[in-house]
N, C-alpha and C. Protein backbone atom coordinates (compact mmCIF):
# COMPACT_ATOMS: atom_id res chain seq x y z
N MET A 1 169.84 104.60 124.32
CA MET A 1 169.57 104.19 122.95
C MET A 1 169.35 102.68 122.87
N THR A 2 169.99 101.95 123.76
CA THR A 2 169.87 100.50 123.76
C THR A 2 168.43 100.08 124.04
N GLY A 3 167.72 100.79 124.96
CA GLY A 3 166.32 100.50 125.27
C GLY A 3 165.43 100.70 124.06
N MET A 4 165.70 101.75 123.28
CA MET A 4 164.91 102.01 122.06
C MET A 4 165.14 100.92 121.03
N THR A 5 166.34 100.44 120.93
CA THR A 5 166.67 99.42 119.94
C THR A 5 165.95 98.12 120.26
N LYS A 6 165.79 97.80 121.54
CA LYS A 6 165.14 96.56 121.93
C LYS A 6 163.61 96.65 121.83
N SER A 7 163.03 97.83 121.92
CA SER A 7 161.56 97.95 121.92
C SER A 7 160.96 98.13 120.54
N TRP A 8 161.76 98.39 119.51
CA TRP A 8 161.17 98.62 118.19
C TRP A 8 160.42 97.41 117.66
N PRO A 9 160.85 96.15 117.94
CA PRO A 9 160.05 95.02 117.44
C PRO A 9 158.65 94.98 118.07
N ILE A 10 158.55 95.37 119.32
CA ILE A 10 157.24 95.39 119.99
C ILE A 10 156.35 96.45 119.37
N VAL A 11 156.90 97.62 119.15
CA VAL A 11 156.14 98.71 118.54
C VAL A 11 155.69 98.30 117.14
N LEU A 12 156.57 97.68 116.39
CA LEU A 12 156.23 97.23 115.04
C LEU A 12 155.14 96.16 115.09
N ALA A 13 155.25 95.23 116.03
CA ALA A 13 154.25 94.17 116.15
C ALA A 13 152.88 94.74 116.48
N VAL A 14 152.82 95.68 117.40
CA VAL A 14 151.55 96.31 117.77
C VAL A 14 150.97 97.04 116.57
N ALA A 15 151.81 97.78 115.84
CA ALA A 15 151.34 98.51 114.66
C ALA A 15 150.78 97.54 113.61
N LEU A 16 151.44 96.40 113.41
CA LEU A 16 150.97 95.43 112.43
C LEU A 16 149.65 94.79 112.87
N VAL A 17 149.52 94.50 114.16
CA VAL A 17 148.28 93.92 114.66
C VAL A 17 147.13 94.91 114.46
N LEU A 18 147.34 96.18 114.81
CA LEU A 18 146.30 97.19 114.63
C LEU A 18 145.94 97.37 113.17
N ALA A 19 146.93 97.40 112.30
CA ALA A 19 146.67 97.56 110.87
C ALA A 19 145.90 96.34 110.34
N GLY A 20 146.30 95.15 110.78
CA GLY A 20 145.60 93.94 110.35
C GLY A 20 144.16 93.92 110.82
N ALA A 21 143.93 94.34 112.06
CA ALA A 21 142.56 94.39 112.59
C ALA A 21 141.71 95.37 111.79
N TRP A 22 142.29 96.50 111.44
CA TRP A 22 141.55 97.50 110.67
C TRP A 22 141.18 96.94 109.30
N VAL A 23 142.11 96.25 108.66
CA VAL A 23 141.84 95.67 107.34
C VAL A 23 140.82 94.54 107.46
N TRP A 24 140.96 93.69 108.47
CA TRP A 24 140.08 92.54 108.62
C TRP A 24 138.67 92.95 109.02
N LEU A 25 138.53 93.93 109.90
CA LEU A 25 137.21 94.34 110.36
C LEU A 25 136.53 95.32 109.42
N GLY A 26 137.25 95.89 108.51
CA GLY A 26 136.67 96.87 107.58
C GLY A 26 135.40 96.39 106.89
N PRO A 27 135.36 95.14 106.37
CA PRO A 27 134.15 94.67 105.69
C PRO A 27 132.94 94.56 106.60
N PHE A 28 133.17 94.54 107.92
CA PHE A 28 132.06 94.38 108.84
C PHE A 28 131.49 95.71 109.32
N ALA A 29 132.00 96.78 108.82
CA ALA A 29 131.46 98.09 109.20
C ALA A 29 130.03 98.19 108.68
N PRO A 30 129.15 98.82 109.46
CA PRO A 30 127.77 98.91 109.00
C PRO A 30 127.66 99.63 107.66
N ALA A 31 126.95 99.04 106.76
CA ALA A 31 126.74 99.65 105.45
C ALA A 31 125.38 100.33 105.44
N GLU A 32 125.26 101.34 104.62
CA GLU A 32 123.97 101.99 104.50
C GLU A 32 123.01 101.05 103.79
N ARG A 33 121.77 101.03 104.25
CA ARG A 33 120.77 100.16 103.64
C ARG A 33 120.33 100.78 102.32
N SER A 34 120.26 99.95 101.32
CA SER A 34 119.87 100.46 100.00
C SER A 34 118.60 99.77 99.50
N ASP A 35 117.81 99.21 100.44
CA ASP A 35 116.62 98.49 100.00
C ASP A 35 115.45 99.41 99.70
N GLY A 36 115.57 100.71 100.00
CA GLY A 36 114.52 101.66 99.70
C GLY A 36 113.27 101.50 100.54
N LEU A 37 113.37 100.81 101.67
CA LEU A 37 112.19 100.55 102.48
C LEU A 37 111.98 101.55 103.62
N ASP A 38 113.01 102.32 103.97
CA ASP A 38 112.87 103.22 105.10
C ASP A 38 111.77 104.25 104.83
N GLY A 39 110.80 104.29 105.72
CA GLY A 39 109.70 105.23 105.59
C GLY A 39 108.60 104.76 104.65
N ALA A 40 108.80 103.58 104.04
CA ALA A 40 107.79 103.07 103.11
C ALA A 40 106.51 102.74 103.86
N ARG A 41 105.39 102.95 103.18
CA ARG A 41 104.08 102.65 103.77
C ARG A 41 103.40 101.59 102.93
N GLY A 42 102.55 100.83 103.58
CA GLY A 42 101.83 99.80 102.86
C GLY A 42 100.83 99.11 103.77
N ARG A 43 100.23 98.05 103.24
CA ARG A 43 99.21 97.30 103.97
C ARG A 43 99.70 95.86 104.12
N VAL A 44 99.58 95.32 105.35
CA VAL A 44 99.95 93.93 105.61
C VAL A 44 98.94 93.03 104.90
N VAL A 45 99.46 92.13 104.05
CA VAL A 45 98.56 91.23 103.31
C VAL A 45 98.63 89.80 103.82
N ALA A 46 99.70 89.45 104.56
CA ALA A 46 99.81 88.08 105.11
C ALA A 46 100.87 88.04 106.19
N VAL A 47 100.76 87.02 107.03
CA VAL A 47 101.79 86.70 108.01
C VAL A 47 102.51 85.48 107.48
N VAL A 48 103.79 85.64 107.14
CA VAL A 48 104.58 84.55 106.55
C VAL A 48 105.01 83.57 107.63
N ASP A 49 105.58 84.07 108.70
CA ASP A 49 105.96 83.27 109.86
C ASP A 49 105.97 84.18 111.07
N SER A 50 106.46 83.68 112.20
CA SER A 50 106.35 84.45 113.44
C SER A 50 107.23 85.70 113.48
N ARG A 51 108.04 85.91 112.45
CA ARG A 51 108.84 87.14 112.42
C ARG A 51 108.90 87.81 111.05
N THR A 52 107.98 87.42 110.16
CA THR A 52 107.96 88.00 108.81
C THR A 52 106.54 88.34 108.40
N LEU A 53 106.36 89.57 107.93
CA LEU A 53 105.07 90.01 107.40
C LEU A 53 105.21 90.23 105.90
N ARG A 54 104.18 89.93 105.15
CA ARG A 54 104.15 90.26 103.72
C ARG A 54 103.36 91.56 103.60
N VAL A 55 104.01 92.58 103.03
CA VAL A 55 103.42 93.92 102.97
C VAL A 55 103.34 94.38 101.52
N GLN A 56 102.15 94.85 101.14
CA GLN A 56 101.98 95.46 99.82
C GLN A 56 102.31 96.93 100.00
N LEU A 57 103.51 97.31 99.57
CA LEU A 57 103.96 98.70 99.72
C LEU A 57 103.35 99.57 98.64
N GLU A 58 103.13 100.84 98.99
CA GLU A 58 102.52 101.78 98.05
C GLU A 58 103.37 102.00 96.81
N ASN A 59 104.71 101.86 96.96
CA ASN A 59 105.61 102.17 95.85
C ASN A 59 106.10 100.93 95.10
N ARG A 60 105.46 99.78 95.31
CA ARG A 60 105.91 98.55 94.64
C ARG A 60 104.71 97.79 94.07
N ASP A 61 104.97 97.08 92.97
CA ASP A 61 103.90 96.30 92.33
C ASP A 61 103.61 95.00 93.07
N GLN A 62 104.65 94.34 93.56
CA GLN A 62 104.52 93.05 94.22
C GLN A 62 104.69 93.21 95.74
N PRO A 63 104.00 92.37 96.51
CA PRO A 63 104.20 92.41 97.97
C PRO A 63 105.65 92.11 98.34
N THR A 64 106.10 92.65 99.45
CA THR A 64 107.46 92.49 99.94
C THR A 64 107.42 91.79 101.29
N ASP A 65 108.26 90.76 101.46
CA ASP A 65 108.37 90.11 102.76
C ASP A 65 109.29 90.96 103.63
N VAL A 66 108.79 91.35 104.79
CA VAL A 66 109.53 92.21 105.70
C VAL A 66 109.84 91.43 106.97
N THR A 67 111.14 91.23 107.22
CA THR A 67 111.57 90.59 108.45
C THR A 67 111.53 91.64 109.55
N LEU A 68 110.95 91.29 110.67
CA LEU A 68 110.82 92.22 111.79
C LEU A 68 112.09 92.22 112.63
N ALA A 69 112.69 93.39 112.80
CA ALA A 69 113.92 93.53 113.57
C ALA A 69 113.69 93.12 115.02
N GLY A 70 114.68 92.41 115.56
CA GLY A 70 114.65 92.04 116.96
C GLY A 70 113.89 90.77 117.28
N LEU A 71 113.22 90.16 116.29
CA LEU A 71 112.47 88.94 116.53
C LEU A 71 113.29 87.75 116.09
N GLY A 72 113.33 86.73 116.93
CA GLY A 72 114.12 85.55 116.64
C GLY A 72 113.25 84.37 116.26
N ALA A 73 113.92 83.27 116.00
CA ALA A 73 113.24 82.02 115.69
C ALA A 73 113.19 81.17 116.96
N TRP A 74 112.19 80.33 117.04
CA TRP A 74 112.11 79.40 118.17
C TRP A 74 113.18 78.34 118.00
N PRO A 75 113.75 77.83 119.09
CA PRO A 75 114.84 76.85 118.99
C PRO A 75 114.49 75.60 118.18
N ASP A 76 113.24 75.18 118.21
CA ASP A 76 112.86 73.98 117.47
C ASP A 76 112.47 74.26 116.02
N GLY A 77 112.59 75.53 115.62
CA GLY A 77 112.29 75.89 114.24
C GLY A 77 110.82 76.09 113.94
N ARG A 78 109.96 75.78 114.91
CA ARG A 78 108.52 75.97 114.71
C ARG A 78 108.18 77.44 114.91
N HIS A 79 106.99 77.80 114.51
CA HIS A 79 106.56 79.19 114.62
C HIS A 79 105.56 79.33 115.75
N GLY A 80 105.42 80.57 116.18
CA GLY A 80 104.43 80.85 117.21
C GLY A 80 103.03 80.79 116.62
N ASP A 81 102.08 81.23 117.38
CA ASP A 81 100.68 81.23 116.97
C ASP A 81 100.48 82.26 115.87
N LEU A 82 100.48 81.79 114.63
CA LEU A 82 100.34 82.72 113.52
C LEU A 82 98.97 83.39 113.51
N ALA A 83 97.99 82.75 114.12
CA ALA A 83 96.67 83.36 114.21
C ALA A 83 96.75 84.66 115.01
N ALA A 84 97.63 84.68 116.02
CA ALA A 84 97.81 85.92 116.79
C ALA A 84 98.39 87.01 115.91
N GLY A 85 99.25 86.62 114.97
CA GLY A 85 99.82 87.60 114.05
C GLY A 85 98.84 88.04 112.98
N GLU A 86 97.83 87.22 112.72
CA GLU A 86 96.85 87.53 111.67
C GLU A 86 96.07 88.81 111.96
N VAL A 87 96.04 89.26 113.20
CA VAL A 87 95.31 90.50 113.51
C VAL A 87 95.92 91.68 112.76
N TRP A 88 97.15 91.52 112.28
CA TRP A 88 97.81 92.63 111.57
C TRP A 88 97.46 92.66 110.08
N VAL A 89 96.87 91.60 109.56
CA VAL A 89 96.50 91.58 108.14
C VAL A 89 95.45 92.66 107.88
N GLY A 90 95.71 93.46 106.86
CA GLY A 90 94.81 94.55 106.50
C GLY A 90 95.18 95.88 107.14
N VAL A 91 96.12 95.85 108.07
CA VAL A 91 96.52 97.07 108.78
C VAL A 91 97.54 97.84 107.94
N THR A 92 97.39 99.17 107.91
CA THR A 92 98.35 100.02 107.22
C THR A 92 99.54 100.26 108.14
N VAL A 93 100.75 100.08 107.59
CA VAL A 93 101.96 100.18 108.39
C VAL A 93 102.99 101.09 107.72
N GLU A 94 103.95 101.51 108.54
CA GLU A 94 105.10 102.26 108.05
C GLU A 94 106.35 101.55 108.53
N LEU A 95 107.35 101.45 107.65
CA LEU A 95 108.58 100.73 107.98
C LEU A 95 109.68 101.70 108.38
N ASP A 96 110.42 101.32 109.40
CA ASP A 96 111.60 102.06 109.86
C ASP A 96 112.75 101.07 109.78
N THR A 97 113.66 101.27 108.84
CA THR A 97 114.73 100.30 108.63
C THR A 97 116.02 100.70 109.33
N ASP A 98 115.92 101.46 110.41
CA ASP A 98 117.10 101.84 111.18
C ASP A 98 117.46 100.68 112.12
N ALA A 99 117.73 99.52 111.53
CA ALA A 99 118.10 98.32 112.28
C ALA A 99 119.14 97.57 111.46
N PRO A 100 120.01 96.82 112.12
CA PRO A 100 121.03 96.08 111.36
C PRO A 100 120.40 95.07 110.40
N VAL A 101 119.32 94.43 110.83
CA VAL A 101 118.63 93.44 110.01
C VAL A 101 117.14 93.65 110.21
N GLY A 102 116.39 93.69 109.12
CA GLY A 102 114.95 93.81 109.23
C GLY A 102 114.48 95.24 109.42
N ALA A 103 113.23 95.35 109.88
CA ALA A 103 112.61 96.67 110.02
C ALA A 103 111.77 96.72 111.29
N TYR A 104 111.63 97.92 111.80
CA TYR A 104 110.66 98.19 112.86
C TYR A 104 109.39 98.57 112.12
N VAL A 105 108.27 97.98 112.53
CA VAL A 105 107.02 98.20 111.81
C VAL A 105 105.99 98.80 112.76
N TYR A 106 105.46 99.96 112.34
CA TYR A 106 104.50 100.70 113.15
C TYR A 106 103.17 100.82 112.40
N THR A 107 102.08 100.77 113.15
CA THR A 107 100.76 100.97 112.54
C THR A 107 100.45 102.45 112.50
N ASP A 108 99.41 102.82 111.75
CA ASP A 108 99.00 104.22 111.67
C ASP A 108 98.63 104.80 113.04
N ASP A 109 98.10 103.95 113.91
CA ASP A 109 97.70 104.45 115.23
C ASP A 109 98.82 104.34 116.27
N GLY A 110 100.05 104.07 115.80
CA GLY A 110 101.21 104.11 116.69
C GLY A 110 101.61 102.82 117.36
N ARG A 111 100.91 101.72 117.07
CA ARG A 111 101.31 100.46 117.69
C ARG A 111 102.60 99.95 117.03
N PHE A 112 103.44 99.35 117.83
CA PHE A 112 104.75 98.85 117.41
C PHE A 112 104.61 97.33 117.27
N ILE A 113 104.49 96.83 116.04
CA ILE A 113 104.19 95.42 115.81
C ILE A 113 105.29 94.51 116.36
N ASN A 114 106.56 94.87 116.18
CA ASN A 114 107.66 94.04 116.68
C ASN A 114 107.47 93.80 118.19
N GLU A 115 107.20 94.87 118.90
CA GLU A 115 106.99 94.82 120.34
C GLU A 115 105.80 93.93 120.70
N GLN A 116 104.71 94.09 119.99
CA GLN A 116 103.49 93.34 120.27
C GLN A 116 103.70 91.83 120.11
N LEU A 117 104.41 91.42 119.05
CA LEU A 117 104.61 90.00 118.81
C LEU A 117 105.49 89.34 119.86
N ILE A 118 106.49 90.07 120.36
CA ILE A 118 107.32 89.54 121.45
C ILE A 118 106.50 89.48 122.73
N ASP A 119 105.76 90.54 123.01
CA ASP A 119 104.96 90.62 124.24
C ASP A 119 103.89 89.53 124.29
N GLN A 120 103.35 89.16 123.13
CA GLN A 120 102.30 88.13 123.07
C GLN A 120 102.86 86.72 123.03
N GLY A 121 104.19 86.60 122.95
CA GLY A 121 104.80 85.27 122.88
C GLY A 121 104.67 84.62 121.52
N VAL A 122 104.38 85.42 120.48
CA VAL A 122 104.30 84.88 119.12
C VAL A 122 105.71 84.60 118.60
N ALA A 123 106.67 85.45 118.97
CA ALA A 123 108.06 85.28 118.57
C ALA A 123 108.96 85.66 119.75
N PRO A 124 110.09 84.98 119.87
CA PRO A 124 111.04 85.36 120.92
C PRO A 124 111.92 86.51 120.45
N HIS A 125 112.58 87.14 121.40
CA HIS A 125 113.54 88.19 121.08
C HIS A 125 114.80 87.55 120.49
N ASP A 126 115.35 88.16 119.45
CA ASP A 126 116.59 87.68 118.82
C ASP A 126 117.78 88.29 119.56
N VAL A 127 118.46 87.47 120.34
CA VAL A 127 119.60 87.97 121.12
C VAL A 127 120.88 88.01 120.30
N THR A 128 120.88 87.44 119.10
CA THR A 128 122.10 87.37 118.30
C THR A 128 122.33 88.60 117.43
N THR A 129 121.29 89.38 117.17
CA THR A 129 121.43 90.57 116.33
C THR A 129 120.95 91.78 117.11
N PRO A 130 121.86 92.48 117.76
CA PRO A 130 121.44 93.63 118.56
C PRO A 130 120.80 94.72 117.70
N CYS A 131 119.83 95.38 118.27
CA CYS A 131 119.19 96.52 117.61
C CYS A 131 118.90 97.56 118.69
N ARG A 132 118.45 98.72 118.28
CA ARG A 132 118.27 99.80 119.26
C ARG A 132 117.21 99.48 120.32
N ALA A 133 116.34 98.53 120.04
CA ALA A 133 115.30 98.18 121.00
C ALA A 133 115.63 96.88 121.75
N SER A 134 116.85 96.39 121.65
CA SER A 134 117.21 95.10 122.24
C SER A 134 116.91 95.01 123.73
N ALA A 135 117.25 96.03 124.50
CA ALA A 135 117.02 95.98 125.94
C ALA A 135 115.52 95.88 126.24
N TRP A 136 114.72 96.65 125.52
CA TRP A 136 113.27 96.62 125.71
C TRP A 136 112.70 95.28 125.29
N PHE A 137 113.14 94.77 124.13
CA PHE A 137 112.66 93.49 123.64
C PHE A 137 113.04 92.36 124.60
N ALA A 138 114.25 92.41 125.17
CA ALA A 138 114.68 91.38 126.12
C ALA A 138 113.78 91.40 127.36
N ARG A 139 113.42 92.58 127.81
CA ARG A 139 112.52 92.69 128.98
C ARG A 139 111.14 92.11 128.65
N LEU A 140 110.59 92.49 127.50
CA LEU A 140 109.29 91.95 127.09
C LEU A 140 109.32 90.43 126.98
N ASP A 141 110.42 89.92 126.43
CA ASP A 141 110.59 88.49 126.26
C ASP A 141 110.60 87.78 127.61
N ARG A 142 111.31 88.35 128.58
CA ARG A 142 111.33 87.76 129.93
C ARG A 142 109.94 87.74 130.55
N TYR A 143 109.19 88.84 130.39
CA TYR A 143 107.83 88.91 130.94
C TYR A 143 106.91 87.89 130.25
N ALA A 144 107.00 87.80 128.93
CA ALA A 144 106.16 86.85 128.18
C ALA A 144 106.50 85.41 128.59
N ARG A 145 107.81 85.14 128.75
CA ARG A 145 108.24 83.81 129.17
C ARG A 145 107.73 83.52 130.58
N GLY A 146 107.88 84.48 131.49
CA GLY A 146 107.43 84.30 132.86
C GLY A 146 105.93 84.07 132.97
N ALA A 147 105.17 84.74 132.12
CA ALA A 147 103.70 84.60 132.13
C ALA A 147 103.23 83.45 131.23
N ARG A 148 104.21 82.82 130.55
CA ARG A 148 103.91 81.71 129.62
C ARG A 148 102.88 82.12 128.57
N ARG A 149 103.10 83.30 128.01
CA ARG A 149 102.19 83.79 126.96
C ARG A 149 102.58 83.17 125.62
N GLY A 150 101.57 82.94 124.81
CA GLY A 150 101.79 82.45 123.45
C GLY A 150 102.53 81.12 123.43
N ARG A 151 103.53 81.06 122.59
CA ARG A 151 104.30 79.83 122.39
C ARG A 151 105.13 79.45 123.61
N TRP A 152 105.39 80.42 124.51
CA TRP A 152 106.18 80.10 125.71
C TRP A 152 105.51 79.02 126.55
N ALA A 153 104.19 78.97 126.57
CA ALA A 153 103.49 77.94 127.34
C ALA A 153 103.87 76.55 126.84
N GLU A 154 103.94 76.39 125.53
CA GLU A 154 104.32 75.10 124.94
C GLU A 154 105.81 74.81 125.12
N VAL A 155 106.65 75.81 124.89
CA VAL A 155 108.09 75.63 124.97
C VAL A 155 108.52 75.26 126.39
N LEU A 156 107.96 75.95 127.38
CA LEU A 156 108.35 75.71 128.76
C LEU A 156 107.64 74.55 129.42
N GLY A 157 106.46 74.21 128.91
CA GLY A 157 105.70 73.10 129.49
C GLY A 157 105.40 73.33 130.94
N ASP A 158 105.60 72.32 131.76
CA ASP A 158 105.31 72.41 133.18
C ASP A 158 106.52 72.84 134.01
N ASP A 159 107.63 73.19 133.35
CA ASP A 159 108.82 73.61 134.10
C ASP A 159 108.50 74.85 134.92
N ALA A 160 109.12 74.93 136.08
CA ALA A 160 108.91 76.10 136.95
C ALA A 160 109.55 77.33 136.35
N ASN A 161 110.67 77.20 135.66
CA ASN A 161 111.35 78.35 135.03
C ASN A 161 111.82 77.98 133.67
């Protein structure tokens, strides 16, 4: 019985730590998206920056700025070659908002715009916000960096790596 008497403070401390963690982490649990964009269709009307498209959705009066999931900002705050992104203007797209932040954007013919912009070096992969395509985006980003495609040529300059 003496062993039980000495261990109750440890058991209580562990229980309090676990309860505190549950209370503290509760607000960070993924919430359901309520932006009404999942499955929405529309036409790209502008490229706002290297990771944002302005889309005129079929179910909205005003264009909506759509942040592309998995795309990050360049360290110096500048944008990639927006002219490369301009090829998407006028294209009909569908949004998939199954991402923590932003949307996956697909064209009618099945092209994955998020993937294309990383592969072309227009935008880097965002390593701070994981998404279901993070591993693929990281690989594309490494290849684009290695080939010095798009903005990577300017960012890396004459460095060997």
